[in-house]
PDB file of all heavy atoms in Angstrom:
ATOM      1  N   SER A   1    -133.738   4.254 -63.026  1.00  0.00           N
ATOM      2  CA  SER A   1    -133.247   5.628 -63.111  1.00  0.00           C
ATOM      3  C   SER A   1    -131.987   5.769 -62.266  1.00  0.00           C
ATOM      4  O   SER A   1    -131.785   5.029 -61.307  1.00  0.00           O
ATOM      5  CB  SER A   1    -134.304   6.633 -62.647  1.00  0.00           C
ATOM      6  OG  SER A   1    -134.505   6.552 -61.259  1.00  0.00           O
ATOM      7  N   ILE A   2    -131.153   6.718 -62.672  1.00  0.00           N
ATOM      8  CA  ILE A   2    -129.931   7.010 -61.934  1.00  0.00           C
ATOM      9  C   ILE A   2    -129.882   8.498 -61.628  1.00  0.00           C
ATOM     10  O   ILE A   2    -130.518   9.305 -62.321  1.00  0.00           O
ATOM     11  CB  ILE A   2    -128.664   6.579 -62.697  1.00  0.00           C
ATOM     12  CG1 ILE A   2    -128.551   7.339 -64.024  1.00  0.00           C
ATOM     13  CG2 ILE A   2    -128.625   5.095 -62.920  1.00  0.00           C
ATOM     14  CD1 ILE A   2    -127.235   7.119 -64.733  1.00  0.00           C
ATOM     15  N   GLN A   3    -129.155   8.846 -60.588  1.00  0.00           N
ATOM     16  CA  GLN A   3    -128.901  10.246 -60.249  1.00  0.00           C
ATOM     17  C   GLN A   3    -127.415  10.421 -59.971  1.00  0.00           C
ATOM     18  O   GLN A   3    -126.784   9.548 -59.368  1.00  0.00           O
ATOM     19  CB  GLN A   3    -129.697  10.680 -59.019  1.00  0.00           C
ATOM     20  CG  GLN A   3    -131.149  10.885 -59.277  1.00  0.00           C
ATOM     21  CD  GLN A   3    -131.847  11.528 -58.088  1.00  0.00           C
ATOM     22  OE1 GLN A   3    -131.382  11.496 -56.968  1.00  0.00           O
ATOM     23  NE2 GLN A   3    -132.998  12.110 -58.364  1.00  0.00           N
ATOM     24  N   ILE A   4    -126.911  11.564 -60.411  1.00  0.00           N
ATOM     25  CA  ILE A   4    -125.517  11.926 -60.179  1.00  0.00           C
ATOM     26  C   ILE A   4    -125.508  13.351 -59.641  1.00  0.00           C
ATOM     27  O   ILE A   4    -126.120  14.238 -60.242  1.00  0.00           O
ATOM     28  CB  ILE A   4    -124.694  11.846 -61.476  1.00  0.00           C
ATOM     29  CG1 ILE A   4    -124.747  10.432 -62.051  1.00  0.00           C
ATOM     30  CG2 ILE A   4    -123.263  12.295 -61.236  1.00  0.00           C
ATOM     31  CD1 ILE A   4    -124.214  10.321 -63.454  1.00  0.00           C
ATOM     32  N   GLN A   5    -124.835  13.568 -58.518  1.00  0.00           N
ATOM     33  CA  GLN A   5    -124.742  14.901 -57.932  1.00  0.00           C
ATOM     34  C   GLN A   5    -123.277  15.225 -57.717  1.00  0.00           C
ATOM     35  O   GLN A   5    -122.509  14.395 -57.222  1.00  0.00           O
ATOM     36  CB  GLN A   5    -125.505  14.963 -56.612  1.00  0.00           C
ATOM     37  CG  GLN A   5    -125.679  16.351 -56.052  1.00  0.00           C
ATOM     38  CD  GLN A   5    -124.550  16.817 -55.155  1.00  0.00           C
ATOM     39  OE1 GLN A   5    -123.796  16.034 -54.610  1.00  0.00           O
ATOM     40  NE2 GLN A   5    -124.421  18.111 -55.026  1.00  0.00           N
ATOM     41  N   ARG A   6    -122.885  16.431 -58.126  1.00  0.00           N
ATOM     42  CA  ARG A   6    -121.518  16.912 -57.940  1.00  0.00           C
ATOM     43  C   ARG A   6    -121.565  18.379 -57.520  1.00  0.00           C
ATOM     44  O   ARG A   6    -122.443  19.121 -57.951  1.00  0.00           O
ATOM     45  CB  ARG A   6    -120.695  16.785 -59.227  1.00  0.00           C
ATOM     46  CG  ARG A   6    -120.480  15.359 -59.689  1.00  0.00           C
ATOM     47  CD  ARG A   6    -119.484  14.653 -58.779  1.00  0.00           C
ATOM     48  NE  ARG A   6    -119.205  13.309 -59.228  1.00  0.00           N
ATOM     49  CZ  ARG A   6    -119.800  12.220 -58.777  1.00  0.00           C
ATOM     50  NH1 ARG A   6    -120.752  12.322 -57.887  1.00  0.00           N
ATOM     51  NH2 ARG A   6    -119.466  11.034 -59.209  1.00  0.00           N
ATOM     52  N   GLY A   7    -120.616  18.784 -56.728  1.00  0.00           N
ATOM     53  CA  GLY A   7    -120.493  20.178 -56.355  1.00  0.00           C
ATOM     54  C   GLY A   7    -120.284  20.364 -54.870  1.00  0.00           C
ATOM     55  O   GLY A   7    -120.234  19.411 -54.098  1.00  0.00           O
ATOM     56  N   LYS A   8    -120.174  21.625 -54.480  1.00  0.00           N
ATOM     57  CA  LYS A   8    -119.900  21.998 -53.099  1.00  0.00           C
ATOM     58  C   LYS A   8    -121.187  22.437 -52.412  1.00  0.00           C
ATOM     59  O   LYS A   8    -122.061  23.028 -53.035  1.00  0.00           O
ATOM     60  CB  LYS A   8    -118.883  23.136 -53.095  1.00  0.00           C
ATOM     61  CG  LYS A   8    -118.382  23.534 -51.741  1.00  0.00           C
ATOM     62  CD  LYS A   8    -117.354  24.646 -51.863  1.00  0.00           C
ATOM     63  CE  LYS A   8    -117.036  25.196 -50.483  1.00  0.00           C
ATOM     64  NZ  LYS A   8    -116.271  26.432 -50.560  1.00  0.00           N
ATOM     65  N   ASP A   9    -121.297  22.159 -51.123  1.00  0.00           N
ATOM     66  CA  ASP A   9    -122.460  22.554 -50.331  1.00  0.00           C
ATOM     67  C   ASP A   9    -122.423  24.060 -50.101  1.00  0.00           C
ATOM     68  O   ASP A   9    -121.540  24.575 -49.418  1.00  0.00           O
ATOM     69  CB  ASP A   9    -122.443  21.801 -49.004  1.00  0.00           C
ATOM     70  CG  ASP A   9    -123.627  22.095 -48.110  1.00  0.00           C
ATOM     71  OD1 ASP A   9    -124.396  23.029 -48.410  1.00  0.00           O
ATOM     72  OD2 ASP A   9    -123.795  21.386 -47.108  1.00  0.00           O
ATOM     73  N   GLY A  10    -123.366  24.775 -50.685  1.00  0.00           N
ATOM     74  CA  GLY A  10    -123.403  26.223 -50.554  1.00  0.00           C
ATOM     75  C   GLY A  10    -123.677  26.694 -49.146  1.00  0.00           C
ATOM     76  O   GLY A  10    -123.214  27.765 -48.730  1.00  0.00           O
ATOM     77  N   SER A  11    -124.421  25.933 -48.368  1.00  0.00           N
ATOM     78  CA  SER A  11    -124.723  26.324 -46.990  1.00  0.00           C
ATOM     79  C   SER A  11    -123.480  26.309 -46.115  1.00  0.00           C
ATOM     80  O   SER A  11    -123.415  27.014 -45.106  1.00  0.00           O
ATOM     81  CB  SER A  11    -125.782  25.401 -46.401  1.00  0.00           C
ATOM     82  OG  SER A  11    -126.982  25.531 -47.116  1.00  0.00           O
ATOM     83  N   ALA A  12    -122.476  25.524 -46.489  1.00  0.00           N
ATOM     84  CA  ALA A  12    -121.233  25.483 -45.715  1.00  0.00           C
ATOM     85  C   ALA A  12    -120.507  26.824 -45.788  1.00  0.00           C
ATOM     86  O   ALA A  12    -119.826  27.219 -44.845  1.00  0.00           O
ATOM     87  CB  ALA A  12    -120.334  24.372 -46.228  1.00  0.00           C
ATOM     88  N   ASP A  13    -120.642  27.553 -46.902  1.00  0.00           N
ATOM     89  CA  ASP A  13    -120.008  28.866 -47.042  1.00  0.00           C
ATOM     90  C   ASP A  13    -120.674  29.916 -46.170  1.00  0.00           C
ATOM     91  O   ASP A  13    -120.022  30.816 -45.662  1.00  0.00           O
ATOM     92  CB  ASP A  13    -120.035  29.340 -48.497  1.00  0.00           C
ATOM     93  CG  ASP A  13    -119.113  28.531 -49.383  1.00  0.00           C
ATOM     94  OD1 ASP A  13    -118.238  27.819 -48.854  1.00  0.00           O
ATOM     95  OD2 ASP A  13    -119.262  28.612 -50.618  1.00  0.00           O
ATOM     96  N   THR A  14    -121.982  29.820 -46.013  1.00  0.00           N
ATOM     97  CA  THR A  14    -122.697  30.822 -45.235  1.00  0.00           C
ATOM     98  C   THR A  14    -122.680  30.515 -43.741  1.00  0.00           C
ATOM     99  O   THR A  14    -122.852  31.410 -42.928  1.00  0.00           O
ATOM    100  CB  THR A  14    -124.172  30.932 -45.681  1.00  0.00           C
ATOM    101  OG1 THR A  14    -124.812  29.677 -45.470  1.00  0.00           O
ATOM    102  CG2 THR A  14    -124.279  31.333 -47.134  1.00  0.00           C
ATOM    103  N   GLY A  15    -122.517  29.251 -43.387  1.00  0.00           N
ATOM    104  CA  GLY A  15    -122.555  28.858 -41.988  1.00  0.00           C
ATOM    105  C   GLY A  15    -123.969  28.612 -41.489  1.00  0.00           C
ATOM    106  O   GLY A  15    -124.197  28.507 -40.294  1.00  0.00           O
ATOM    107  N   ASP A  16    -124.921  28.510 -42.418  1.00  0.00           N
ATOM    108  CA  ASP A  16    -126.317  28.271 -42.041  1.00  0.00           C
ATOM    109  C   ASP A  16    -126.497  26.879 -41.448  1.00  0.00           C
ATOM    110  O   ASP A  16    -125.889  25.918 -41.904  1.00  0.00           O
ATOM    111  CB  ASP A  16    -127.245  28.392 -43.255  1.00  0.00           C
ATOM    112  CG  ASP A  16    -127.366  29.818 -43.747  1.00  0.00           C
ATOM    113  OD1 ASP A  16    -126.962  30.724 -43.005  1.00  0.00           O
ATOM    114  OD2 ASP A  16    -127.855  30.017 -44.861  1.00  0.00           O
ATOM    115  N   ALA A  17    -127.357  26.783 -40.461  1.00  0.00           N
ATOM    116  CA  ALA A  17    -127.703  25.479 -39.891  1.00  0.00           C
ATOM    117  C   ALA A  17    -128.699  24.759 -40.798  1.00  0.00           C
ATOM    118  O   ALA A  17    -128.720  23.533 -40.860  1.00  0.00           O
ATOM    119  CB  ALA A  17    -128.301  25.650 -38.500  1.00  0.00           C
ATOM    120  N   GLN A  18    -129.516  25.515 -41.507  1.00  0.00           N
ATOM    121  CA  GLN A  18    -130.515  24.937 -42.401  1.00  0.00           C
ATOM    122  C   GLN A  18    -130.069  25.151 -43.843  1.00  0.00           C
ATOM    123  O   GLN A  18    -129.787  26.264 -44.255  1.00  0.00           O
ATOM    124  CB  GLN A  18    -131.870  25.598 -42.182  1.00  0.00           C
ATOM    125  CG  GLN A  18    -132.954  25.037 -43.086  1.00  0.00           C
ATOM    126  CD  GLN A  18    -134.304  25.662 -42.801  1.00  0.00           C
ATOM    127  OE1 GLN A  18    -134.477  26.366 -41.816  1.00  0.00           O
ATOM    128  NE2 GLN A  18    -135.252  25.411 -43.664  1.00  0.00           N
ATOM    129  N   ALA A  19    -129.995  24.081 -44.596  1.00  0.00           N
ATOM    130  CA  ALA A  19    -129.566  24.175 -45.997  1.00  0.00           C
ATOM    131  C   ALA A  19    -130.595  24.947 -46.821  1.00  0.00           C
ATOM    132  O   ALA A  19    -131.787  24.848 -46.580  1.00  0.00           O
ATOM    133  CB  ALA A  19    -129.379  22.786 -46.576  1.00  0.00           C
ATOM    134  N   TYR A  20    -130.128  25.719 -47.780  1.00  0.00           N
ATOM    135  CA  TYR A  20    -131.045  26.469 -48.641  1.00  0.00           C
ATOM    136  C   TYR A  20    -131.183  25.855 -50.015  1.00  0.00           C
ATOM    137  O   TYR A  20    -131.866  26.393 -50.879  1.00  0.00           O
ATOM    138  CB  TYR A  20    -130.636  27.937 -48.753  1.00  0.00           C
ATOM    139  CG  TYR A  20    -129.232  28.186 -49.238  1.00  0.00           C
ATOM    140  CD1 TYR A  20    -128.924  28.149 -50.590  1.00  0.00           C
ATOM    141  CD2 TYR A  20    -128.220  28.474 -48.345  1.00  0.00           C
ATOM    142  CE1 TYR A  20    -127.638  28.387 -51.029  1.00  0.00           C
ATOM    143  CE2 TYR A  20    -126.944  28.720 -48.784  1.00  0.00           C
ATOM    144  CZ  TYR A  20    -126.652  28.678 -50.128  1.00  0.00           C
ATOM    145  OH  TYR A  20    -125.384  28.911 -50.555  1.00  0.00           O
ATOM    146  N   SER A  21    -130.545  24.718 -50.259  1.00  0.00           N
ATOM    147  CA  SER A  21    -130.687  24.032 -51.532  1.00  0.00           C
ATOM    148  C   SER A  21    -131.003  22.561 -51.280  1.00  0.00           C
ATOM    149  O   SER A  21    -130.370  21.921 -50.447  1.00  0.00           O
ATOM    150  CB  SER A  21    -129.408  24.140 -52.359  1.00  0.00           C
ATOM    151  OG  SER A  21    -129.515  23.366 -53.533  1.00  0.00           O
ATOM    152  N   ASN A  22    -131.969  22.032 -52.018  1.00  0.00           N
ATOM    153  CA  ASN A  22    -132.355  20.628 -51.841  1.00  0.00           C
ATOM    154  C   ASN A  22    -131.339  19.654 -52.425  1.00  0.00           C
ATOM    155  O   ASN A  22    -131.445  18.461 -52.189  1.00  0.00           O
ATOM    156  CB  ASN A  22    -133.718  20.373 -52.490  1.00  0.00           C
ATOM    157  CG  ASN A  22    -134.835  21.001 -51.710  1.00  0.00           C
ATOM    158  OD1 ASN A  22    -134.676  21.359 -50.554  1.00  0.00           O
ATOM    159  ND2 ASN A  22    -135.986  21.166 -52.333  1.00  0.00           N
ATOM    160  N   ILE A  23    -130.392  20.153 -53.224  1.00  0.00           N
ATOM    161  CA  ILE A  23    -129.421  19.217 -53.786  1.00  0.00           C
ATOM    162  C   ILE A  23    -128.064  19.321 -53.092  1.00  0.00           C
ATOM    163  O   ILE A  23    -127.082  18.790 -53.583  1.00  0.00           O
ATOM    164  CB  ILE A  23    -129.276  19.368 -55.322  1.00  0.00           C
ATOM    165  CG1 ILE A  23    -128.677  20.712 -55.713  1.00  0.00           C
ATOM    166  CG2 ILE A  23    -130.590  19.119 -56.014  1.00  0.00           C
ATOM    167  CD1 ILE A  23    -128.332  20.802 -57.193  1.00  0.00           C
ATOM    168  N   ASP A  24    -127.995  19.993 -51.939  1.00  0.00           N
ATOM    169  CA  ASP A  24    -126.751  20.018 -51.169  1.00  0.00           C
ATOM    170  C   ASP A  24    -126.588  18.688 -50.466  1.00  0.00           C
ATOM    171  O   ASP A  24    -127.353  18.335 -49.567  1.00  0.00           O
ATOM    172  CB  ASP A  24    -126.771  21.150 -50.135  1.00  0.00           C
ATOM    173  CG  ASP A  24    -126.363  22.478 -50.736  1.00  0.00           C
ATOM    174  OD1 ASP A  24    -125.755  22.453 -51.825  1.00  0.00           O
ATOM    175  OD2 ASP A  24    -126.641  23.512 -50.135  1.00  0.00           O
ATOM    176  N   GLU A  25    -125.599  17.954 -50.887  1.00  0.00           N
ATOM    177  CA  GLU A  25    -125.307  16.645 -50.316  1.00  0.00           C
ATOM    178  C   GLU A  25    -123.914  16.260 -50.774  1.00  0.00           C
ATOM    179  O   GLU A  25    -123.376  16.840 -51.714  1.00  0.00           O
ATOM    180  CB  GLU A  25    -126.333  15.612 -50.811  1.00  0.00           C
ATOM    181  CG  GLU A  25    -126.180  14.271 -50.155  1.00  0.00           C
ATOM    182  CD  GLU A  25    -127.259  13.282 -50.578  1.00  0.00           C
ATOM    183  OE1 GLU A  25    -128.305  13.685 -51.075  1.00  0.00           O
ATOM    184  OE2 GLU A  25    -127.016  12.089 -50.381  1.00  0.00           O
ATOM    185  N   ALA A  26    -123.330  15.280 -50.128  1.00  0.00           N
ATOM    186  CA  ALA A  26    -122.034  14.774 -50.581  1.00  0.00           C
ATOM    187  C   ALA A  26    -122.182  14.233 -52.003  1.00  0.00           C
ATOM    188  O   ALA A  26    -123.257  13.763 -52.393  1.00  0.00           O
ATOM    189  CB  ALA A  26    -121.557  13.677 -49.638  1.00  0.00           C
ATOM    190  N   ASN A  27    -121.112  14.318 -52.783  1.00  0.00           N
ATOM    191  CA  ASN A  27    -121.162  13.825 -54.163  1.00  0.00           C
ATOM    192  C   ASN A  27    -121.569  12.356 -54.184  1.00  0.00           C
ATOM    193  O   ASN A  27    -121.142  11.567 -53.347  1.00  0.00           O
ATOM    194  CB  ASN A  27    -119.803  13.986 -54.830  1.00  0.00           C
ATOM    195  CG  ASN A  27    -119.430  15.432 -55.053  1.00  0.00           C
ATOM    196  OD1 ASN A  27    -120.282  16.313 -55.009  1.00  0.00           O
ATOM    197  ND2 ASN A  27    -118.171  15.677 -55.309  1.00  0.00           N
ATOM    198  N   PHE A  28    -122.419  12.003 -55.150  1.00  0.00           N
ATOM    199  CA  PHE A  28    -122.854  10.618 -55.288  1.00  0.00           C
ATOM    200  C   PHE A  28    -123.209  10.310 -56.736  1.00  0.00           C
ATOM    201  O   PHE A  28    -123.456  11.205 -57.537  1.00  0.00           O
ATOM    202  CB  PHE A  28    -124.053  10.302 -54.387  1.00  0.00           C
ATOM    203  CG  PHE A  28    -125.310  11.061 -54.745  1.00  0.00           C
ATOM    204  CD1 PHE A  28    -126.140  10.612 -55.766  1.00  0.00           C
ATOM    205  CD2 PHE A  28    -125.672  12.200 -54.061  1.00  0.00           C
ATOM    206  CE1 PHE A  28    -127.286  11.306 -56.090  1.00  0.00           C
ATOM    207  CE2 PHE A  28    -126.818  12.893 -54.374  1.00  0.00           C
ATOM    208  CZ  PHE A  28    -127.638  12.448 -55.400  1.00  0.00           C
ATOM    209  N   ALA A  29    -123.227   9.055 -57.043  1.00  0.00           N
ATOM    210  CA  ALA A  29    -123.743   8.519 -58.300  1.00  0.00           C
ATOM    211  C   ALA A  29    -124.388   7.190 -57.915  1.00  0.00           C
ATOM    212  O   ALA A  29    -123.720   6.301 -57.399  1.00  0.00           O
ATOM    213  CB  ALA A  29    -122.631   8.319 -59.320  1.00  0.00           C
ATOM    214  N   ARG A  30    -125.708   7.082 -58.131  1.00  0.00           N
ATOM    215  CA  ARG A  30    -126.400   5.888 -57.635  1.00  0.00           C
ATOM    216  C   ARG A  30    -127.613   5.551 -58.499  1.00  0.00           C
ATOM    217  O   ARG A  30    -128.144   6.402 -59.207  1.00  0.00           O
ATOM    218  CB  ARG A  30    -126.839   6.088 -56.203  1.00  0.00           C
ATOM    219  CG  ARG A  30    -127.878   7.200 -56.058  1.00  0.00           C
ATOM    220  CD  ARG A  30    -128.348   7.365 -54.633  1.00  0.00           C
ATOM    221  NE  ARG A  30    -129.171   8.549 -54.501  1.00  0.00           N
ATOM    222  CZ  ARG A  30    -129.086   9.407 -53.525  1.00  0.00           C
ATOM    223  NH1 ARG A  30    -128.224   9.219 -52.552  1.00  0.00           N
ATOM    224  NH2 ARG A  30    -129.863  10.461 -53.480  1.00  0.00           N
ATOM    225  N   ILE A  31    -128.013   4.316 -58.367  1.00  0.00           N
ATOM    226  CA  ILE A  31    -129.294   3.911 -58.943  1.00  0.00           C
ATOM    227  C   ILE A  31    -130.360   4.490 -58.035  1.00  0.00           C
ATOM    228  O   ILE A  31    -130.396   4.204 -56.837  1.00  0.00           O
ATOM    229  CB  ILE A  31    -129.415   2.382 -59.024  1.00  0.00           C
ATOM    230  CG1 ILE A  31    -128.382   1.830 -59.995  1.00  0.00           C
ATOM    231  CG2 ILE A  31    -130.827   1.988 -59.433  1.00  0.00           C
ATOM    232  CD1 ILE A  31    -128.335   0.320 -60.050  1.00  0.00           C
ATOM    233  N   TYR A  32    -131.200   5.352 -58.587  1.00  0.00           N
ATOM    234  CA  TYR A  32    -132.206   6.026 -57.775  1.00  0.00           C
ATOM    235  C   TYR A  32    -133.460   5.167 -57.641  1.00  0.00           C
ATOM    236  O   TYR A  32    -134.006   5.013 -56.564  1.00  0.00           O
ATOM    237  CB  TYR A  32    -132.531   7.383 -58.384  1.00  0.00           C
ATOM    238  CG  TYR A  32    -133.438   8.225 -57.535  1.00  0.00           C
ATOM    239  CD1 TYR A  32    -133.021   8.666 -56.284  1.00  0.00           C
ATOM    240  CD2 TYR A  32    -134.705   8.570 -57.964  1.00  0.00           C
ATOM    241  CE1 TYR A  32    -133.837   9.429 -55.486  1.00  0.00           C
ATOM    242  CE2 TYR A  32    -135.534   9.343 -57.172  1.00  0.00           C
ATOM    243  CZ  TYR A  32    -135.102   9.771 -55.934  1.00  0.00           C
ATOM    244  OH  TYR A  32    -135.921  10.515 -55.149  1.00  0.00           O
ATOM    245  N   GLU A  33    -133.927   4.631 -58.762  1.00  0.00           N
ATOM    246  CA  GLU A  33    -135.079   3.724 -58.741  1.00  0.00           C
ATOM    247  C   GLU A  33    -134.811   2.553 -59.675  1.00  0.00           C
ATOM    248  O   GLU A  33    -134.201   2.712 -60.726  1.00  0.00           O
ATOM    249  CB  GLU A  33    -136.354   4.427 -59.204  1.00  0.00           C
ATOM    250  CG  GLU A  33    -136.869   5.481 -58.260  1.00  0.00           C
ATOM    251  CD  GLU A  33    -138.197   6.050 -58.733  1.00  0.00           C
ATOM    252  OE1 GLU A  33    -138.170   6.941 -59.597  1.00  0.00           O
ATOM    253  OE2 GLU A  33    -139.233   5.578 -58.239  1.00  0.00           O
ATOM    254  N   LEU A  34    -135.295   1.399 -59.286  1.00  0.00           N
ATOM    255  CA  LEU A  34    -135.217   0.202 -60.112  1.00  0.00           C
ATOM    256  C   LEU A  34    -136.331  -0.725 -59.644  1.00  0.00           C
ATOM    257  O   LEU A  34    -136.286  -1.235 -58.521  1.00  0.00           O
ATOM    258  CB  LEU A  34    -133.861  -0.486 -59.969  1.00  0.00           C
ATOM    259  CG  LEU A  34    -133.669  -1.782 -60.748  1.00  0.00           C
ATOM    260  CD1 LEU A  34    -133.797  -1.539 -62.249  1.00  0.00           C
ATOM    261  CD2 LEU A  34    -132.319  -2.401 -60.419  1.00  0.00           C
ATOM    262  N   TYR A  35    -137.361  -0.878 -60.487  1.00  0.00           N
ATOM    263  CA  TYR A  35    -138.478  -1.711 -60.052  1.00  0.00           C
ATOM    264  C   TYR A  35    -139.192  -2.370 -61.232  1.00  0.00           C
ATOM    265  O   TYR A  35    -139.077  -1.947 -62.377  1.00  0.00           O
ATOM    266  CB  TYR A  35    -139.482  -0.922 -59.216  1.00  0.00           C
ATOM    267  CG  TYR A  35    -140.178   0.215 -59.930  1.00  0.00           C
ATOM    268  CD1 TYR A  35    -141.285  -0.008 -60.749  1.00  0.00           C
ATOM    269  CD2 TYR A  35    -139.746   1.522 -59.780  1.00  0.00           C
ATOM    270  CE1 TYR A  35    -141.924   1.035 -61.393  1.00  0.00           C
ATOM    271  CE2 TYR A  35    -140.381   2.564 -60.413  1.00  0.00           C
ATOM    272  CZ  TYR A  35    -141.474   2.317 -61.216  1.00  0.00           C
ATOM    273  OH  TYR A  35    -142.102   3.352 -61.854  1.00  0.00           O
ATOM    274  N   TYR A  36    -139.924  -3.427 -60.873  1.00  0.00           N
ATOM    275  CA  TYR A  36    -140.839  -4.111 -61.784  1.00  0.00           C
ATOM    276  C   TYR A  36    -142.249  -3.830 -61.275  1.00  0.00           C
ATOM    277  O   TYR A  36    -142.505  -3.878 -60.072  1.00  0.00           O
ATOM    278  CB  TYR A  36    -140.570  -5.614 -61.794  1.00  0.00           C
ATOM    279  CG  TYR A  36    -141.722  -6.411 -62.370  1.00  0.00           C
ATOM    280  CD1 TYR A  36    -141.910  -6.500 -63.742  1.00  0.00           C
ATOM    281  CD2 TYR A  36    -142.636  -7.045 -61.545  1.00  0.00           C
ATOM    282  CE1 TYR A  36    -142.978  -7.206 -64.273  1.00  0.00           C
ATOM    283  CE2 TYR A  36    -143.704  -7.754 -62.052  1.00  0.00           C
ATOM    284  CZ  TYR A  36    -143.868  -7.831 -63.425  1.00  0.00           C
ATOM    285  OH  TYR A  36    -144.928  -8.529 -63.936  1.00  0.00           O
ATOM    286  N   ALA A  37    -143.168  -3.528 -62.189  1.00  0.00           N
ATOM    287  CA  ALA A  37    -144.559  -3.265 -61.803  1.00  0.00           C
ATOM    288  C   ALA A  37    -145.504  -4.101 -62.656  1.00  0.00           C
ATOM    289  O   ALA A  37    -145.269  -4.305 -63.843  1.00  0.00           O
ATOM    290  CB  ALA A  37    -144.886  -1.784 -61.962  1.00  0.00           C
ATOM    291  N   PHE A  38    -146.541  -4.577 -62.025  1.00  0.00           N
ATOM    292  CA  PHE A  38    -147.614  -5.291 -62.718  1.00  0.00           C
ATOM    293  C   PHE A  38    -148.912  -4.566 -62.382  1.00  0.00           C
ATOM    294  O   PHE A  38    -149.209  -4.321 -61.212  1.00  0.00           O
ATOM    295  CB  PHE A  38    -147.690  -6.751 -62.272  1.00  0.00           C
ATOM    296  CG  PHE A  38    -148.817  -7.504 -62.904  1.00  0.00           C
ATOM    297  CD1 PHE A  38    -148.730  -7.933 -64.214  1.00  0.00           C
ATOM    298  CD2 PHE A  38    -149.980  -7.764 -62.198  1.00  0.00           C
ATOM    299  CE1 PHE A  38    -149.778  -8.618 -64.810  1.00  0.00           C
ATOM    300  CE2 PHE A  38    -151.033  -8.442 -62.778  1.00  0.00           C
ATOM    301  CZ  PHE A  38    -150.930  -8.875 -64.093  1.00  0.00           C
ATOM    302  N   SER A  39    -149.689  -4.209 -63.401  1.00  0.00           N
ATOM    303  CA  SER A  39    -150.921  -3.457 -63.152  1.00  0.00           C
ATOM    304  C   SER A  39    -152.116  -4.151 -63.787  1.00  0.00           C
ATOM    305  O   SER A  39    -152.005  -4.821 -64.805  1.00  0.00           O
ATOM    306  CB  SER A  39    -150.795  -2.035 -63.703  1.00  0.00           C
ATOM    307  OG  SER A  39    -150.554  -2.064 -65.085  1.00  0.00           O
ATOM    308  N   THR A  40    -153.258  -3.984 -63.124  1.00  0.00           N
ATOM    309  CA  THR A  40    -154.537  -4.469 -63.640  1.00  0.00           C
ATOM    310  C   THR A  40    -155.539  -3.330 -63.472  1.00  0.00           C
ATOM    311  O   THR A  40    -155.200  -2.258 -62.964  1.00  0.00           O
ATOM    312  CB  THR A  40    -155.017  -5.710 -62.858  1.00  0.00           C
ATOM    313  OG1 THR A  40    -155.267  -5.330 -61.500  1.00  0.00           O
ATOM    314  CG2 THR A  40    -153.998  -6.833 -62.913  1.00  0.00           C
ATOM    315  N   ASP A  41    -156.778  -3.567 -63.870  1.00  0.00           N
ATOM    316  CA  ASP A  41    -157.813  -2.547 -63.709  1.00  0.00           C
ATOM    317  C   ASP A  41    -158.112  -2.258 -62.232  1.00  0.00           C
ATOM    318  O   ASP A  41    -158.551  -1.167 -61.887  1.00  0.00           O
ATOM    319  CB  ASP A  41    -159.113  -2.976 -64.410  1.00  0.00           C
ATOM    320  CG  ASP A  41    -158.950  -3.018 -65.912  1.00  0.00           C
ATOM    321  OD1 ASP A  41    -158.048  -2.318 -66.431  1.00  0.00           O
ATOM    322  OD2 ASP A  41    -159.719  -3.734 -66.581  1.00  0.00           O
ATOM    323  N   SER A  42    -157.849  -3.238 -61.372  1.00  0.00           N
ATOM    324  CA  SER A  42    -158.181  -3.059 -59.954  1.00  0.00           C
ATOM    325  C   SER A  42    -157.005  -2.569 -59.103  1.00  0.00           C
ATOM    326  O   SER A  42    -157.175  -2.292 -57.924  1.00  0.00           O
ATOM    327  CB  SER A  42    -158.715  -4.368 -59.368  1.00  0.00           C
ATOM    328  OG  SER A  42    -157.752  -5.383 -59.513  1.00  0.00           O
ATOM    329  N   GLY A  43    -155.799  -2.462 -59.675  1.00  0.00           N
ATOM    330  CA  GLY A  43    -154.666  -1.975 -58.891  1.00  0.00           C
ATOM    331  C   GLY A  43    -153.339  -2.338 -59.523  1.00  0.00           C
ATOM    332  O   GLY A  43    -153.273  -2.764 -60.677  1.00  0.00           O
ATOM    333  N   PHE A  44    -152.290  -2.181 -58.742  1.00  0.00           N
ATOM    334  CA  PHE A  44    -150.951  -2.501 -59.229  1.00  0.00           C
ATOM    335  C   PHE A  44    -150.081  -2.958 -58.070  1.00  0.00           C
ATOM    336  O   PHE A  44    -150.401  -2.742 -56.901  1.00  0.00           O
ATOM    337  CB  PHE A  44    -150.308  -1.297 -59.929  1.00  0.00           C
ATOM    338  CG  PHE A  44    -150.006  -0.143 -59.016  1.00  0.00           C
ATOM    339  CD1 PHE A  44    -148.760  -0.035 -58.392  1.00  0.00           C
ATOM    340  CD2 PHE A  44    -150.950   0.836 -58.768  1.00  0.00           C
ATOM    341  CE1 PHE A  44    -148.478   1.024 -57.548  1.00  0.00           C
ATOM    342  CE2 PHE A  44    -150.671   1.901 -57.929  1.00  0.00           C
ATOM    343  CZ  PHE A  44    -149.436   1.990 -57.313  1.00  0.00           C
ATOM    344  N   ILE A  45    -148.967  -3.595 -58.403  1.00  0.00           N
ATOM    345  CA  ILE A  45    -147.967  -3.986 -57.421  1.00  0.00           C
ATOM    346  C   ILE A  45    -146.601  -3.624 -57.989  1.00  0.00           C
ATOM    347  O   ILE A  45    -146.362  -3.772 -59.185  1.00  0.00           O
ATOM    348  CB  ILE A  45    -148.048  -5.486 -57.072  1.00  0.00           C
ATOM    349  CG1 ILE A  45    -147.076  -5.819 -55.949  1.00  0.00           C
ATOM    350  CG2 ILE A  45    -147.804  -6.349 -58.291  1.00  0.00           C
ATOM    351  CD1 ILE A  45    -147.284  -7.180 -55.337  1.00  0.00           C
TER     352      ILE A  45
END
């Protein structure tokens, strides 16, 4: 999976110390998850 985030940090406009949006972050584009899984009836890795 990949994630791409773009935009301005809204908390910077208000001057809040605590961000009010979970997606406020510097712009990025990255591989978010990349994994191989093997599963059986007793568990997975």
